[in-house]
Amino acid sequence: MSVENYFKGTSSGTNMGRSIIPTYTGYTGISSNTSSKMWDYMKQGLAYIVGIAIIIFIIMLFIHFFITPIFSAQPGAPGILTLPGLDNGVLFWNKSSPEMILNSVLPIQNMEYGYSFIMDIFIINPHVQFSNRPRILFRRGGTLLPTPTGDQISGMIENYNIVGALLPAANDLLISVLNTSNNTENVLIPNVPVQEPFRLGVVFMNQALEVYINGHLMKTRAFSAPPKSVKGNFYPLNGKETPLAKLQNFKVWPSILTSPEIRYAKPDMPSASEIGSNMPQTSMCSSSSNSSTTTTSTTGNAVTNRTITGKRFLNTMG
């Protein structure tokens, strides 16, 4: 074939030209078939991982319910892993001054027992308010008598569920429950810290009362009769008792907590500077916190007036 015929575009020349001149289609990447196979491999791998995770979770549930606890609802509860969002306790007074809590907002509004609570207390000065009757720190329900009929809690409040108070002219903490016989079931914790925060824990059962200080079980009171069916608002100290102490982090659970759950309950207890900030410090309080334990006895009935620092109290507990 001549060159002329080739460039004139004869049929044979045209075909030859087309066969000689290469065509470029460009790089299209991974083929759709290869991409589909990779996606299938990824789905299979993910399915394997999910399947293994489900099997492990079922095994852990079996161990949790039939052998030993693995999951816990809150710190201190039996278990290895604490699951967030399962703590059914309700916290009050954590960032504001204590005020009355309506029974309708309490998680124990329909319960007179079968609940637990913690409360951080900072006693400013046990001698700042002199009285021959207990100084009330908190109470649930009850009616304050305008004219007390005696020097005991039962002579100061009618129909209460639980009361916390300091004994007259001392730093002894009294926790009192009223039973169906209208008699008091009392727990007395002597020498609670002064000018040092401490955490009170209470487990209120239908047959007994447990009282904790800083996570340690101090006393258990078995009731002589069931608690009286009294429900009501929760009141902090007020009136002339207000300068006596500060309260913070009142947290209540509608269930019976174990000792470890009380010990590791959240939030953490505040420091003295946090709970006692902007607090007036009296010379009497300072001298009391640094003095040794003193005892004053009277004829007939022994009356003990004791003041002990928080650090010394914690050392004795240790």
C-alpha atoms as a PDB file:
ATOM      1  CA  MET A   1       0.000   0.000   0.000  1.00  0.00           C
ATOM      2  CA  SER A   2       1.331   3.399  -0.990  1.00  0.00           C
ATOM      3  CA  VAL A   3       1.719   6.251   1.406  1.00  0.00           C
ATOM      4  CA  GLU A   4      -0.793   8.204  -0.604  1.00  0.00           C
ATOM      5  CA  ASN A   5      -3.478   5.652  -0.175  1.00  0.00           C
ATOM      6  CA  TYR A   6      -2.794   5.464   3.545  1.00  0.00           C
ATOM      7  CA  PHE A   7      -3.285   9.177   4.080  1.00  0.00           C
ATOM      8  CA  LYS A   8      -6.225   9.389   1.664  1.00  0.00           C
ATOM      9  CA  GLY A   9      -8.188   7.212   3.992  1.00  0.00           C
ATOM     10  CA  THR A  10      -8.825   4.140   1.937  1.00  0.00           C
ATOM     11  CA  SER A  11     -10.717   1.489   3.668  1.00  0.00           C
ATOM     12  CA  SER A  12      -7.659  -0.595   4.196  1.00  0.00           C
ATOM     13  CA  GLY A  13      -5.597   2.401   5.124  1.00  0.00           C
ATOM     14  CA  THR A  14      -8.216   3.604   7.543  1.00  0.00           C
ATOM     15  CA  ASN A  15      -8.371   0.274   9.273  1.00  0.00           C
ATOM     16  CA  MET A  16      -4.632   0.075   9.435  1.00  0.00           C
ATOM     17  CA  GLY A  17      -4.378   3.585  10.824  1.00  0.00           C
ATOM     18  CA  ARG A  18      -6.871   2.803  13.459  1.00  0.00           C
ATOM     19  CA  SER A  19      -5.072  -0.317  14.430  1.00  0.00           C
ATOM     20  CA  ILE A  20      -1.697   1.343  14.561  1.00  0.00           C
ATOM     21  CA  ILE A  21      -2.681   4.460  16.550  1.00  0.00           C
ATOM     22  CA  PRO A  22      -3.255   3.434  20.196  1.00  0.00           C
ATOM     23  CA  THR A  23      -6.245   4.684  22.217  1.00  0.00           C
ATOM     24  CA  TYR A  24      -5.916   5.786  25.928  1.00  0.00           C
ATOM     25  CA  THR A  25      -8.799   5.099  28.251  1.00  0.00           C
ATOM     26  CA  GLY A  26      -7.213   6.405  31.503  1.00  0.00           C
ATOM     27  CA  TYR A  27      -6.867   4.698  35.015  1.00  0.00           C
ATOM     28  CA  THR A  28     -10.231   3.874  36.487  1.00  0.00           C
ATOM     29  CA  GLY A  29      -8.933   2.686  39.908  1.00  0.00           C
ATOM     30  CA  ILE A  30     -10.042  -0.503  41.642  1.00  0.00           C
ATOM     31  CA  SER A  31     -12.613  -2.349  39.688  1.00  0.00           C
ATOM     32  CA  SER A  32     -16.131  -2.474  41.019  1.00  0.00           C
ATOM     33  CA  ASN A  33     -15.769  -6.200  41.487  1.00  0.00           C
ATOM     34  CA  THR A  34     -12.704  -5.783  43.728  1.00  0.00           C
ATOM     35  CA  SER A  35     -14.406  -3.006  45.729  1.00  0.00           C
ATOM     36  CA  SER A  36     -17.453  -5.192  46.294  1.00  0.00           C
ATOM     37  CA  LYS A  37     -15.281  -8.033  47.577  1.00  0.00           C
ATOM     38  CA  MET A  38     -13.496  -5.717  50.041  1.00  0.00           C
ATOM     39  CA  TRP A  39     -16.823  -4.452  51.350  1.00  0.00           C
ATOM     40  CA  ASP A  40     -17.992  -8.040  51.801  1.00  0.00           C
ATOM     41  CA  TYR A  41     -14.817  -8.830  53.769  1.00  0.00           C
ATOM     42  CA  MET A  42     -15.377  -5.790  56.005  1.00  0.00           C
ATOM     43  CA  LYS A  43     -18.991  -6.779  56.697  1.00  0.00           C
ATOM     44  CA  GLN A  44     -17.926 -10.306  57.549  1.00  0.00           C
ATOM     45  CA  GLY A  45     -15.208  -9.075  59.899  1.00  0.00           C
ATOM     46  CA  LEU A  46     -17.624  -6.690  61.616  1.00  0.00           C
ATOM     47  CA  ALA A  47     -20.185  -9.459  62.005  1.00  0.00           C
ATOM     48  CA  TYR A  48     -17.540 -11.684  63.614  1.00  0.00           C
ATOM     49  CA  ILE A  49     -16.580  -8.932  66.070  1.00  0.00           C
ATOM     50  CA  VAL A  50     -20.216  -8.228  67.004  1.00  0.00           C
ATOM     51  CA  GLY A  51     -20.910 -11.929  67.411  1.00  0.00           C
ATOM     52  CA  ILE A  52     -17.903 -12.438  69.676  1.00  0.00           C
ATOM     53  CA  ALA A  53     -18.880  -9.367  71.742  1.00  0.00           C
ATOM     54  CA  ILE A  54     -22.430 -10.706  72.192  1.00  0.00           C
ATOM     55  CA  ILE A  55     -21.122 -14.098  73.293  1.00  0.00           C
ATOM     56  CA  ILE A  56     -18.736 -12.471  75.811  1.00  0.00           C
ATOM     57  CA  PHE A  57     -21.562 -10.270  77.134  1.00  0.00           C
ATOM     58  CA  ILE A  58     -23.860 -13.289  77.598  1.00  0.00           C
ATOM     59  CA  ILE A  59     -21.085 -15.127  79.455  1.00  0.00           C
ATOM     60  CA  MET A  60     -20.527 -12.074  81.687  1.00  0.00           C
ATOM     61  CA  LEU A  61     -24.261 -11.840  82.432  1.00  0.00           C
ATOM     62  CA  PHE A  62     -24.306 -15.528  83.382  1.00  0.00           C
ATOM     63  CA  ILE A  63     -21.329 -15.012  85.712  1.00  0.00           C
ATOM     64  CA  HIS A  64     -22.895 -11.830  87.142  1.00  0.00           C
ATOM     65  CA  PHE A  65     -26.230 -13.446  88.063  1.00  0.00           C
ATOM     66  CA  PHE A  66     -25.164 -16.975  88.953  1.00  0.00           C
ATOM     67  CA  ILE A  67     -21.534 -16.872  90.127  1.00  0.00           C
ATOM     68  CA  THR A  68     -20.204 -13.473  91.218  1.00  0.00           C
ATOM     69  CA  PRO A  69     -21.261  -9.861  90.481  1.00  0.00           C
ATOM     70  CA  ILE A  70     -19.444  -8.162  87.614  1.00  0.00           C
ATOM     71  CA  PHE A  71     -21.522  -5.027  87.064  1.00  0.00           C
ATOM     72  CA  SER A  72     -22.321  -2.518  89.823  1.00  0.00           C
ATOM     73  CA  ALA A  73     -24.792   0.351  89.803  1.00  0.00           C
ATOM     74  CA  GLN A  74     -22.673   2.664  91.966  1.00  0.00           C
ATOM     75  CA  PRO A  75     -19.259   2.808  93.653  1.00  0.00           C
ATOM     76  CA  GLY A  76     -18.970   0.363  96.505  1.00  0.00           C
ATOM     77  CA  ALA A  77     -21.631  -1.991  95.209  1.00  0.00           C
ATOM     78  CA  PRO A  78     -20.573  -5.598  94.556  1.00  0.00           C
ATOM     79  CA  GLY A  79     -19.031  -5.912  91.129  1.00  0.00           C
ATOM     80  CA  ILE A  80     -15.981  -5.064  89.065  1.00  0.00           C
ATOM     81  CA  LEU A  81     -17.376  -2.626  86.489  1.00  0.00           C
ATOM     82  CA  THR A  82     -19.384   0.405  87.643  1.00  0.00           C
ATOM     83  CA  LEU A  83     -22.013   1.243  85.052  1.00  0.00           C
ATOM     84  CA  PRO A  84     -22.782   4.971  84.743  1.00  0.00           C
ATOM     85  CA  GLY A  85     -26.312   6.277  85.056  1.00  0.00           C
ATOM     86  CA  LEU A  86     -27.644   3.501  87.308  1.00  0.00           C
ATOM     87  CA  ASP A  87     -27.267   5.266  90.674  1.00  0.00           C
ATOM     88  CA  ASN A  88     -30.845   5.909  91.830  1.00  0.00           C
ATOM     89  CA  GLY A  89     -29.829   8.275  94.621  1.00  0.00           C
ATOM     90  CA  VAL A  90     -31.047  11.893  94.463  1.00  0.00           C
ATOM     91  CA  LEU A  91     -28.708  14.673  95.592  1.00  0.00           C
ATOM     92  CA  PHE A  92     -29.827  17.853  97.368  1.00  0.00           C
ATOM     93  CA  TRP A  93     -27.975  20.779  98.967  1.00  0.00           C
ATOM     94  CA  ASN A  94     -24.839  20.293  96.872  1.00  0.00           C
ATOM     95  CA  LYS A  95     -24.444  23.847  95.591  1.00  0.00           C
ATOM     96  CA  SER A  96     -26.919  25.898  97.582  1.00  0.00           C
ATOM     97  CA  SER A  97     -27.816  26.587 101.175  1.00  0.00           C
ATOM     98  CA  PRO A  98     -29.993  23.893 102.738  1.00  0.00           C
ATOM     99  CA  GLU A  99     -33.688  24.528 102.398  1.00  0.00           C
ATOM    100  CA  MET A 100     -36.774  22.496 103.140  1.00  0.00           C
ATOM    101  CA  ILE A 101     -37.265  19.632 100.682  1.00  0.00           C
ATOM    102  CA  LEU A 102     -40.867  18.849  99.859  1.00  0.00           C
ATOM    103  CA  ASN A 103     -41.806  15.228 100.376  1.00  0.00           C
ATOM    104  CA  SER A 104     -43.212  15.158  96.835  1.00  0.00           C
ATOM    105  CA  VAL A 105     -39.719  15.583  95.321  1.00  0.00           C
ATOM    106  CA  LEU A 106     -38.039  13.051  97.585  1.00  0.00           C
ATOM    107  CA  PRO A 107     -37.451   9.587  96.074  1.00  0.00           C
ATOM    108  CA  ILE A 108     -38.803   8.191  99.367  1.00  0.00           C
ATOM    109  CA  GLN A 109     -42.054  10.131  99.356  1.00  0.00           C
ATOM    110  CA  ASN A 110     -44.099   6.968  99.937  1.00  0.00           C
ATOM    111  CA  MET A 111     -41.657   5.276 102.301  1.00  0.00           C
ATOM    112  CA  GLU A 112     -41.289   5.517 106.065  1.00  0.00           C
ATOM    113  CA  TYR A 113     -38.392   3.017 106.064  1.00  0.00           C
ATOM    114  CA  GLY A 114     -36.388   0.978 103.569  1.00  0.00           C
ATOM    115  CA  TYR A 115     -34.227   3.911 102.492  1.00  0.00           C
ATOM    116  CA  SER A 116     -30.686   5.225 102.997  1.00  0.00           C
ATOM    117  CA  PHE A 117     -29.071   8.649 102.998  1.00  0.00           C
ATOM    118  CA  ILE A 118     -25.785  10.459 103.500  1.00  0.00           C
ATOM    119  CA  MET A 119     -25.165  14.024 104.663  1.00  0.00           C
ATOM    120  CA  ASP A 120     -21.994  16.073 105.091  1.00  0.00           C
ATOM    121  CA  ILE A 121     -21.972  18.028 108.359  1.00  0.00           C
ATOM    122  CA  PHE A 122     -19.638  20.759 109.560  1.00  0.00           C
ATOM    123  CA  ILE A 123     -20.176  21.724 113.194  1.00  0.00           C
ATOM    124  CA  ILE A 124     -19.072  25.321 113.684  1.00  0.00           C
ATOM    125  CA  ASN A 125     -19.330  25.436 117.450  1.00  0.00           C
ATOM    126  CA  PRO A 126     -21.355  23.082 119.661  1.00  0.00           C
ATOM    127  CA  HIS A 127     -21.516  25.792 122.354  1.00  0.00           C
ATOM    128  CA  VAL A 128     -22.736  28.632 120.163  1.00  0.00           C
ATOM    129  CA  GLN A 129     -26.365  27.927 121.034  1.00  0.00           C
ATOM    130  CA  PHE A 130     -26.913  27.020 124.688  1.00  0.00           C
ATOM    131  CA  SER A 131     -29.894  24.864 125.528  1.00  0.00           C
ATOM    132  CA  ASN A 132     -30.938  22.169 127.939  1.00  0.00           C
ATOM    133  CA  ARG A 133     -32.612  20.320 125.053  1.00  0.00           C
ATOM    134  CA  PRO A 134     -31.173  18.640 121.929  1.00  0.00           C
ATOM    135  CA  ARG A 135     -30.308  21.059 119.108  1.00  0.00           C
ATOM    136  CA  ILE A 136     -32.013  19.803 115.939  1.00  0.00           C
ATOM    137  CA  LEU A 137     -29.801  19.518 112.842  1.00  0.00           C
ATOM    138  CA  PHE A 138     -32.358  17.920 110.520  1.00  0.00           C
ATOM    139  CA  ARG A 139     -35.666  16.098 110.614  1.00  0.00           C
ATOM    140  CA  ARG A 140     -38.150  14.410 108.342  1.00  0.00           C
ATOM    141  CA  GLY A 141     -41.795  15.119 109.016  1.00  0.00           C
ATOM    142  CA  GLY A 142     -43.135  15.946 112.429  1.00  0.00           C
ATOM    143  CA  THR A 143     -44.460  19.101 114.008  1.00  0.00           C
ATOM    144  CA  LEU A 144     -42.372  21.274 116.298  1.00  0.00           C
ATOM    145  CA  LEU A 145     -44.171  21.903 119.556  1.00  0.00           C
ATOM    146  CA  PRO A 146     -44.411  25.635 120.358  1.00  0.00           C
ATOM    147  CA  THR A 147     -43.906  24.770 124.013  1.00  0.00           C
ATOM    148  CA  PRO A 148     -41.750  21.661 124.543  1.00  0.00           C
ATOM    149  CA  THR A 149     -43.145  19.208 127.061  1.00  0.00           C
ATOM    150  CA  GLY A 150     -39.759  17.754 128.006  1.00  0.00           C
ATOM    151  CA  ASP A 151     -36.038  17.705 127.398  1.00  0.00           C
ATOM    152  CA  GLN A 152     -36.149  14.788 124.961  1.00  0.00           C
ATOM    153  CA  ILE A 153     -36.805  14.718 121.222  1.00  0.00           C
ATOM    154  CA  SER A 154     -40.275  13.262 121.806  1.00  0.00           C
ATOM    155  CA  GLY A 155     -41.112  16.286 123.941  1.00  0.00           C
ATOM    156  CA  MET A 156     -40.043  18.688 121.195  1.00  0.00           C
ATOM    157  CA  ILE A 157     -41.480  17.130 118.005  1.00  0.00           C
ATOM    158  CA  GLU A 158     -44.697  15.217 117.341  1.00  0.00           C
ATOM    159  CA  ASN A 159     -44.999  12.380 114.818  1.00  0.00           C
ATOM    160  CA  TYR A 160     -41.608  12.472 113.149  1.00  0.00           C
ATOM    161  CA  ASN A 161     -39.918   9.943 110.926  1.00  0.00           C
ATOM    162  CA  ILE A 162     -36.257  10.587 111.760  1.00  0.00           C
ATOM    163  CA  VAL A 163     -34.397  13.365 113.569  1.00  0.00           C
ATOM    164  CA  GLY A 164     -30.712  14.250 113.904  1.00  0.00           C
ATOM    165  CA  ALA A 165     -29.632  16.499 116.771  1.00  0.00           C
ATOM    166  CA  LEU A 166     -26.710  17.463 118.978  1.00  0.00           C
ATOM    167  CA  LEU A 167     -27.076  16.892 122.692  1.00  0.00           C
ATOM    168  CA  PRO A 168     -27.071  19.986 124.930  1.00  0.00           C
ATOM    169  CA  ALA A 169     -23.662  21.680 125.311  1.00  0.00           C
ATOM    170  CA  ALA A 170     -21.839  18.734 123.721  1.00  0.00           C
ATOM    171  CA  ASN A 171     -20.796  17.375 120.349  1.00  0.00           C
ATOM    172  CA  ASP A 172     -22.628  14.058 120.739  1.00  0.00           C
ATOM    173  CA  LEU A 173     -24.843  13.263 117.766  1.00  0.00           C
ATOM    174  CA  LEU A 174     -28.278  11.755 118.384  1.00  0.00           C
ATOM    175  CA  ILE A 175     -30.253   9.991 115.630  1.00  0.00           C
ATOM    176  CA  SER A 176     -33.828   9.289 116.683  1.00  0.00           C
ATOM    177  CA  VAL A 177     -36.697   7.304 115.128  1.00  0.00           C
ATOM    178  CA  LEU A 178     -40.274   7.217 116.387  1.00  0.00           C
ATOM    179  CA  ASN A 179     -41.888   3.767 116.516  1.00  0.00           C
ATOM    180  CA  THR A 180     -45.512   2.631 116.423  1.00  0.00           C
ATOM    181  CA  SER A 181     -45.655   2.681 120.219  1.00  0.00           C
ATOM    182  CA  ASN A 182     -44.714   6.392 120.154  1.00  0.00           C
ATOM    183  CA  ASN A 183     -41.421   5.522 121.807  1.00  0.00           C
ATOM    184  CA  THR A 184     -38.067   6.728 120.518  1.00  0.00           C
ATOM    185  CA  GLU A 185     -35.440   4.432 119.013  1.00  0.00           C
ATOM    186  CA  ASN A 186     -32.210   6.362 119.544  1.00  0.00           C
ATOM    187  CA  VAL A 187     -28.607   5.963 118.384  1.00  0.00           C
ATOM    188  CA  LEU A 188     -26.014   8.142 120.128  1.00  0.00           C
ATOM    189  CA  ILE A 189     -22.640   8.805 118.475  1.00  0.00           C
ATOM    190  CA  PRO A 190     -20.337  10.577 120.956  1.00  0.00           C
ATOM    191  CA  ASN A 191     -17.649  13.084 120.055  1.00  0.00           C
ATOM    192  CA  VAL A 192     -18.351  13.787 116.411  1.00  0.00           C
ATOM    193  CA  PRO A 193     -15.792  16.149 114.807  1.00  0.00           C
ATOM    194  CA  VAL A 194     -15.898  19.894 115.392  1.00  0.00           C
ATOM    195  CA  GLN A 195     -14.701  22.354 112.726  1.00  0.00           C
ATOM    196  CA  GLU A 196     -13.903  19.389 110.523  1.00  0.00           C
ATOM    197  CA  PRO A 197     -16.429  18.015 108.031  1.00  0.00           C
ATOM    198  CA  PHE A 198     -17.682  14.492 108.521  1.00  0.00           C
ATOM    199  CA  ARG A 199     -20.123  12.359 106.575  1.00  0.00           C
ATOM    200  CA  LEU A 200     -23.157  10.926 108.289  1.00  0.00           C
ATOM    201  CA  GLY A 201     -24.643   7.808 106.734  1.00  0.00           C
ATOM    202  CA  VAL A 202     -27.976   6.299 107.755  1.00  0.00           C
ATOM    203  CA  VAL A 203     -29.598   3.058 106.631  1.00  0.00           C
ATOM    204  CA  PHE A 204     -33.216   3.020 107.801  1.00  0.00           C
ATOM    205  CA  MET A 205     -34.710  -0.484 107.756  1.00  0.00           C
ATOM    206  CA  ASN A 206     -38.017  -1.795 109.033  1.00  0.00           C
ATOM    207  CA  GLN A 207     -36.407  -3.540 112.014  1.00  0.00           C
ATOM    208  CA  ALA A 208     -33.151  -1.688 112.595  1.00  0.00           C
ATOM    209  CA  LEU A 209     -31.192   1.508 112.062  1.00  0.00           C
ATOM    210  CA  GLU A 210     -27.531   1.682 111.009  1.00  0.00           C
ATOM    211  CA  VAL A 211     -25.500   4.851 111.567  1.00  0.00           C
ATOM    212  CA  TYR A 212     -22.189   5.496 109.813  1.00  0.00           C
ATOM    213  CA  ILE A 213     -19.537   8.172 110.280  1.00  0.00           C
ATOM    214  CA  ASN A 214     -17.161   8.706 107.351  1.00  0.00           C
ATOM    215  CA  GLY A 215     -18.148   5.364 105.888  1.00  0.00           C
ATOM    216  CA  HIS A 216     -17.575   3.370 109.083  1.00  0.00           C
ATOM    217  CA  LEU A 217     -20.489   1.631 110.775  1.00  0.00           C
ATOM    218  CA  MET A 218     -20.647   3.087 114.272  1.00  0.00           C
ATOM    219  CA  LYS A 219     -23.802   1.585 115.747  1.00  0.00           C
ATOM    220  CA  THR A 220     -26.807  -0.551 114.849  1.00  0.00           C
ATOM    221  CA  ARG A 221     -30.081  -0.150 116.712  1.00  0.00           C
ATOM    222  CA  ALA A 222     -32.626  -3.002 116.595  1.00  0.00           C
ATOM    223  CA  PHE A 223     -36.129  -1.594 116.950  1.00  0.00           C
ATOM    224  CA  SER A 224     -38.404  -2.745 119.762  1.00  0.00           C
ATOM    225  CA  ALA A 225     -41.369  -1.919 117.506  1.00  0.00           C
ATOM    226  CA  PRO A 226     -41.703  -1.044 113.802  1.00  0.00           C
ATOM    227  CA  PRO A 227     -41.186   2.588 112.754  1.00  0.00           C
ATOM    228  CA  LYS A 228     -44.278   4.733 112.863  1.00  0.00           C
ATOM    229  CA  SER A 229     -45.870   5.381 109.496  1.00  0.00           C
ATOM    230  CA  VAL A 230     -44.830   9.004 109.134  1.00  0.00           C
ATOM    231  CA  LYS A 231     -43.829  10.682 105.904  1.00  0.00           C
ATOM    232  CA  GLY A 232     -43.140  14.330 105.299  1.00  0.00           C
ATOM    233  CA  ASN A 233     -40.871  17.120 104.198  1.00  0.00           C
ATOM    234  CA  PHE A 234     -37.180  17.084 105.052  1.00  0.00           C
ATOM    235  CA  TYR A 235     -36.077  20.086 107.117  1.00  0.00           C
ATOM    236  CA  PRO A 236     -32.545  21.357 107.766  1.00  0.00           C
ATOM    237  CA  LEU A 237     -31.599  23.224 110.903  1.00  0.00           C
ATOM    238  CA  ASN A 238     -33.082  26.712 111.072  1.00  0.00           C
ATOM    239  CA  GLY A 239     -33.796  29.572 113.437  1.00  0.00           C
ATOM    240  CA  LYS A 240     -31.521  29.768 116.440  1.00  0.00           C
ATOM    241  CA  GLU A 241     -29.816  26.484 115.467  1.00  0.00           C
ATOM    242  CA  THR A 242     -28.559  27.928 112.153  1.00  0.00           C
ATOM    243  CA  PRO A 243     -25.136  29.109 113.484  1.00  0.00           C
ATOM    244  CA  LEU A 244     -24.553  25.669 114.975  1.00  0.00           C
ATOM    245  CA  ALA A 245     -23.528  23.799 111.814  1.00  0.00           C
ATOM    246  CA  LYS A 246     -23.522  23.666 108.044  1.00  0.00           C
ATOM    247  CA  LEU A 247     -25.091  20.873 106.018  1.00  0.00           C
ATOM    248  CA  GLN A 248     -24.226  19.818 102.494  1.00  0.00           C
ATOM    249  CA  ASN A 249     -24.617  16.934 100.009  1.00  0.00           C
ATOM    250  CA  PHE A 250     -27.783  15.362 101.325  1.00  0.00           C
ATOM    251  CA  LYS A 251     -28.277  12.317  99.093  1.00  0.00           C
ATOM    252  CA  VAL A 252     -31.071   9.821  99.582  1.00  0.00           C
ATOM    253  CA  TRP A 253     -31.709   6.409  98.004  1.00  0.00           C
ATOM    254  CA  PRO A 254     -35.039   4.547  97.995  1.00  0.00           C
ATOM    255  CA  SER A 255     -33.202   1.333  98.865  1.00  0.00           C
ATOM    256  CA  ILE A 256     -31.050  -0.307 101.528  1.00  0.00           C
ATOM    257  CA  LEU A 257     -27.374   0.360 100.818  1.00  0.00           C
ATOM    258  CA  THR A 258     -24.566  -1.946 101.892  1.00  0.00           C
ATOM    259  CA  SER A 259     -21.621  -0.783 103.982  1.00  0.00           C
ATOM    260  CA  PRO A 260     -19.280  -0.459 100.945  1.00  0.00           C
ATOM    261  CA  GLU A 261     -21.938   1.528  99.077  1.00  0.00           C
ATOM    262  CA  ILE A 262     -22.207   3.957 101.988  1.00  0.00           C
ATOM    263  CA  ARG A 263     -18.420   4.179 102.251  1.00  0.00           C
ATOM    264  CA  TYR A 264     -17.822   4.958  98.556  1.00  0.00           C
ATOM    265  CA  ALA A 265     -20.967   6.973  97.881  1.00  0.00           C
ATOM    266  CA  LYS A 266     -20.618   9.979  95.608  1.00  0.00           C
ATOM    267  CA  PRO A 267     -20.126  12.920  95.608  1.00  0.00           C
ATOM    268  CA  ASP A 268     -16.919  13.117  97.587  1.00  0.00           C
ATOM    269  CA  MET A 269     -17.021  14.856 100.942  1.00  0.00           C
ATOM    270  CA  PRO A 270     -15.932  18.523 100.701  1.00  0.00           C
ATOM    271  CA  SER A 271     -12.917  19.870 102.523  1.00  0.00           C
ATOM    272  CA  ALA A 272     -13.169  22.136 105.556  1.00  0.00           C
ATOM    273  CA  SER A 273     -12.448  25.191 103.414  1.00  0.00           C
ATOM    274  CA  GLU A 274     -15.166  24.242 100.919  1.00  0.00           C
ATOM    275  CA  ILE A 275     -17.959  23.550 103.359  1.00  0.00           C
ATOM    276  CA  GLY A 276     -16.835  26.058 105.992  1.00  0.00           C
ATOM    277  CA  SER A 277     -15.911  28.991 103.750  1.00  0.00           C
ATOM    278  CA  ASN A 278     -16.896  32.473 104.971  1.00  0.00           C
ATOM    279  CA  MET A 279     -17.736  30.963 108.318  1.00  0.00           C
ATOM    280  CA  PRO A 280     -17.247  32.968 111.503  1.00  0.00           C
ATOM    281  CA  GLN A 281     -14.631  31.436 113.776  1.00  0.00           C
ATOM    282  CA  THR A 282     -15.098  32.095 117.466  1.00  0.00           C
ATOM    283  CA  SER A 283     -12.433  31.952 120.110  1.00  0.00           C
ATOM    284  CA  MET A 284     -14.468  29.412 122.039  1.00  0.00           C
ATOM    285  CA  CYS A 285     -14.617  27.142 119.042  1.00  0.00           C
ATOM    286  CA  SER A 286     -10.903  27.425 118.398  1.00  0.00           C
ATOM    287  CA  SER A 287     -10.013  26.678 121.973  1.00  0.00           C
ATOM    288  CA  SER A 288     -12.413  23.748 122.031  1.00  0.00           C
ATOM    289  CA  SER A 289     -10.951  22.197 118.907  1.00  0.00           C
ATOM    290  CA  ASN A 290      -7.432  22.329 120.317  1.00  0.00           C
ATOM    291  CA  SER A 291      -8.207  21.341 123.852  1.00  0.00           C
ATOM    292  CA  SER A 292      -8.178  17.885 125.352  1.00  0.00           C
ATOM    293  CA  THR A 293     -11.316  15.969 126.161  1.00  0.00           C
ATOM    294  CA  THR A 294     -13.001  17.207 129.333  1.00  0.00           C
ATOM    295  CA  THR A 295     -15.680  15.595 131.445  1.00  0.00           C
ATOM    296  CA  THR A 296     -17.987  17.314 133.883  1.00  0.00           C
ATOM    297  CA  SER A 297     -20.024  15.164 136.259  1.00  0.00           C
ATOM    298  CA  THR A 298     -22.978  16.180 138.395  1.00  0.00           C
ATOM    299  CA  THR A 299     -24.425  14.389 141.370  1.00  0.00           C
ATOM    300  CA  GLY A 300     -26.967  11.710 140.487  1.00  0.00           C
ATOM    301  CA  ASN A 301     -26.759  11.896 136.685  1.00  0.00           C
ATOM    302  CA  ALA A 302     -23.446  11.967 134.911  1.00  0.00           C
ATOM    303  CA  VAL A 303     -23.405  14.762 132.373  1.00  0.00           C
ATOM    304  CA  THR A 304     -20.517  14.595 129.949  1.00  0.00           C
ATOM    305  CA  ASN A 305     -19.531  17.631 127.931  1.00  0.00           C
ATOM    306  CA  ARG A 306     -16.918  16.626 125.396  1.00  0.00           C
ATOM    307  CA  THR A 307     -15.312  18.362 122.508  1.00  0.00           C
ATOM    308  CA  ILE A 308     -12.865  16.651 120.209  1.00  0.00           C
ATOM    309  CA  THR A 309     -11.271  17.695 116.959  1.00  0.00           C
ATOM    310  CA  GLY A 310     -12.061  16.001 113.690  1.00  0.00           C
ATOM    311  CA  LYS A 311      -8.463  14.818 113.264  1.00  0.00           C
ATOM    312  CA  ARG A 312      -8.383  13.234 116.708  1.00  0.00           C
ATOM    313  CA  PHE A 313     -11.736  11.601 116.020  1.00  0.00           C
ATOM    314  CA  LEU A 314     -10.509  10.139 112.747  1.00  0.00           C
ATOM    315  CA  ASN A 315      -7.366   8.883 114.463  1.00  0.00           C
ATOM    316  CA  THR A 316      -9.426   7.088 117.089  1.00  0.00           C
ATOM    317  CA  MET A 317     -11.528   5.523 114.324  1.00  0.00           C
ATOM    318  CA  GLY A 318      -8.425   4.305 112.553  1.00  0.00           C
END
